[in-house]
Amino acid sequence: MKKEDLTPRNNKGQKHGYCEFYYSNGDIGYKGNYINDNAHGYWEAYHRNGNIRYKGKFIKNEQYGYWEFYYNNGGELNRKEYIIL
């Protein structure tokens, strides 16, 4: 069964607002905000096993600021990056 796309959209049909994506098993895949089809603000993504994959901020679809990336093994930190636009 295909899941309905519940991503909020603006009057131009662009993704706009808070969004969550779920894997077919019902576990969360990622969550964050869009502004006019661009990822914007704080985002988190998860491995298929439910462990955190990464977290950080986007500005107009570009990674910005402190980002943390995690291994698939239970949340062990892989690396931190500071990204400047």
C-alpha atoms as a PDB file:
ATOM      1  CA  MET A   1       0.000   0.000   0.000  1.00  0.00           C
ATOM      2  CA  LYS A   2       1.405   3.385  -0.998  1.00  0.00           C
ATOM      3  CA  LYS A   3       1.473   5.949   1.766  1.00  0.00           C
ATOM      4  CA  GLU A   4      -0.257   9.245   1.066  1.00  0.00           C
ATOM      5  CA  ASP A   5       2.061  12.251   0.768  1.00  0.00           C
ATOM      6  CA  LEU A   6       1.061  14.447   3.675  1.00  0.00           C
ATOM      7  CA  THR A   7       3.800  17.039   3.187  1.00  0.00           C
ATOM      8  CA  PRO A   8       2.209  20.471   3.499  1.00  0.00           C
ATOM      9  CA  ARG A   9       2.360  22.540   0.320  1.00  0.00           C
ATOM     10  CA  ASN A  10       1.987  26.206  -0.519  1.00  0.00           C
ATOM     11  CA  ASN A  11      -0.318  27.577  -3.230  1.00  0.00           C
ATOM     12  CA  LYS A  12       2.391  26.879  -5.855  1.00  0.00           C
ATOM     13  CA  GLY A  13       2.505  23.182  -4.907  1.00  0.00           C
ATOM     14  CA  GLN A  14       5.921  23.502  -3.246  1.00  0.00           C
ATOM     15  CA  LYS A  15       6.743  21.696   0.008  1.00  0.00           C
ATOM     16  CA  HIS A  16       6.195  24.232   2.761  1.00  0.00           C
ATOM     17  CA  GLY A  17       6.007  23.556   6.491  1.00  0.00           C
ATOM     18  CA  TYR A  18       6.882  20.793   8.934  1.00  0.00           C
ATOM     19  CA  CYS A  19       7.374  17.382   7.335  1.00  0.00           C
ATOM     20  CA  GLU A  20       7.984  13.836   8.520  1.00  0.00           C
ATOM     21  CA  PHE A  21       8.963  10.886   6.338  1.00  0.00           C
ATOM     22  CA  TYR A  22       8.378   7.301   7.476  1.00  0.00           C
ATOM     23  CA  TYR A  23       9.857   4.047   6.230  1.00  0.00           C
ATOM     24  CA  SER A  24       7.441   1.374   4.999  1.00  0.00           C
ATOM     25  CA  ASN A  25       7.669  -0.344   8.414  1.00  0.00           C
ATOM     26  CA  GLY A  26       6.295   2.805  10.075  1.00  0.00           C
ATOM     27  CA  ASP A  27       9.563   3.995  11.653  1.00  0.00           C
ATOM     28  CA  ILE A  28      10.536   7.625  11.254  1.00  0.00           C
ATOM     29  CA  GLY A  29      13.049   8.356   8.472  1.00  0.00           C
ATOM     30  CA  TYR A  30      13.478  12.098   8.863  1.00  0.00           C
ATOM     31  CA  LYS A  31      11.758  15.206  10.135  1.00  0.00           C
ATOM     32  CA  GLY A  32      12.226  18.879   9.433  1.00  0.00           C
ATOM     33  CA  ASN A  33      10.842  21.973   7.759  1.00  0.00           C
ATOM     34  CA  TYR A  34      10.519  23.190   4.208  1.00  0.00           C
ATOM     35  CA  ILE A  35      10.143  26.733   2.959  1.00  0.00           C
ATOM     36  CA  ASN A  36       9.153  26.973  -0.712  1.00  0.00           C
ATOM     37  CA  ASP A  37      10.553  23.496  -1.568  1.00  0.00           C
ATOM     38  CA  ASN A  38      13.831  24.084   0.308  1.00  0.00           C
ATOM     39  CA  ALA A  39      14.871  22.270   3.472  1.00  0.00           C
ATOM     40  CA  HIS A  40      15.189  25.036   6.056  1.00  0.00           C
ATOM     41  CA  GLY A  41      15.809  24.871   9.792  1.00  0.00           C
ATOM     42  CA  TYR A  42      16.675  21.981  12.107  1.00  0.00           C
ATOM     43  CA  TRP A  43      16.484  18.450  10.640  1.00  0.00           C
ATOM     44  CA  GLU A  44      16.985  14.962  12.011  1.00  0.00           C
ATOM     45  CA  ALA A  45      17.304  11.755  10.009  1.00  0.00           C
ATOM     46  CA  TYR A  46      17.247   8.169  11.231  1.00  0.00           C
ATOM     47  CA  HIS A  47      18.663   4.845  10.099  1.00  0.00           C
ATOM     48  CA  ARG A  48      16.116   2.149   9.244  1.00  0.00           C
ATOM     49  CA  ASN A  49      16.745   0.558  12.657  1.00  0.00           C
ATOM     50  CA  GLY A  50      15.513   3.739  14.392  1.00  0.00           C
ATOM     51  CA  ASN A  51      18.908   5.061  15.492  1.00  0.00           C
ATOM     52  CA  ILE A  52      19.760   8.684  14.779  1.00  0.00           C
ATOM     53  CA  ARG A  53      21.627   9.134  11.474  1.00  0.00           C
ATOM     54  CA  TYR A  54      22.338  12.865  11.468  1.00  0.00           C
ATOM     55  CA  LYS A  55      21.095  16.140  12.861  1.00  0.00           C
ATOM     56  CA  GLY A  56      21.761  19.689  11.841  1.00  0.00           C
ATOM     57  CA  LYS A  57      20.434  22.825  10.216  1.00  0.00           C
ATOM     58  CA  PHE A  58      19.617  23.707   6.623  1.00  0.00           C
ATOM     59  CA  ILE A  59      19.343  27.173   5.127  1.00  0.00           C
ATOM     60  CA  LYS A  60      17.693  27.146   1.692  1.00  0.00           C
ATOM     61  CA  ASN A  61      18.600  23.470   1.104  1.00  0.00           C
ATOM     62  CA  GLU A  62      22.238  23.962   2.156  1.00  0.00           C
ATOM     63  CA  GLN A  63      23.736  22.421   5.292  1.00  0.00           C
ATOM     64  CA  TYR A  64      24.831  25.100   7.730  1.00  0.00           C
ATOM     65  CA  GLY A  65      26.386  25.241  11.185  1.00  0.00           C
ATOM     66  CA  TYR A  66      27.110  22.266  13.444  1.00  0.00           C
ATOM     67  CA  TRP A  67      26.191  18.848  12.094  1.00  0.00           C
ATOM     68  CA  GLU A  68      26.502  15.516  13.866  1.00  0.00           C
ATOM     69  CA  PHE A  69      26.636  12.209  11.988  1.00  0.00           C
ATOM     70  CA  TYR A  70      26.112   8.876  13.745  1.00  0.00           C
ATOM     71  CA  TYR A  71      26.962   5.249  13.104  1.00  0.00           C
ATOM     72  CA  ASN A  72      24.142   2.775  12.577  1.00  0.00           C
ATOM     73  CA  ASN A  73      25.137   0.817  15.700  1.00  0.00           C
ATOM     74  CA  GLY A  74      23.129   2.576  18.366  1.00  0.00           C
ATOM     75  CA  GLY A  75      23.846   6.252  18.209  1.00  0.00           C
ATOM     76  CA  GLU A  76      27.650   6.312  18.501  1.00  0.00           C
ATOM     77  CA  LEU A  77      28.929   9.616  17.100  1.00  0.00           C
ATOM     78  CA  ASN A  78      30.854   9.190  13.839  1.00  0.00           C
ATOM     79  CA  ARG A  79      31.875  12.813  13.264  1.00  0.00           C
ATOM     80  CA  LYS A  80      30.974  16.456  13.828  1.00  0.00           C
ATOM     81  CA  GLU A  81      31.289  19.124  11.185  1.00  0.00           C
ATOM     82  CA  TYR A  82      30.887  22.865  11.130  1.00  0.00           C
ATOM     83  CA  ILE A  83      29.627  23.926   7.718  1.00  0.00           C
ATOM     84  CA  ILE A  84      29.739  27.529   6.499  1.00  0.00           C
ATOM     85  CA  LEU A  85      27.752  28.664   3.483  1.00  0.00           C
END
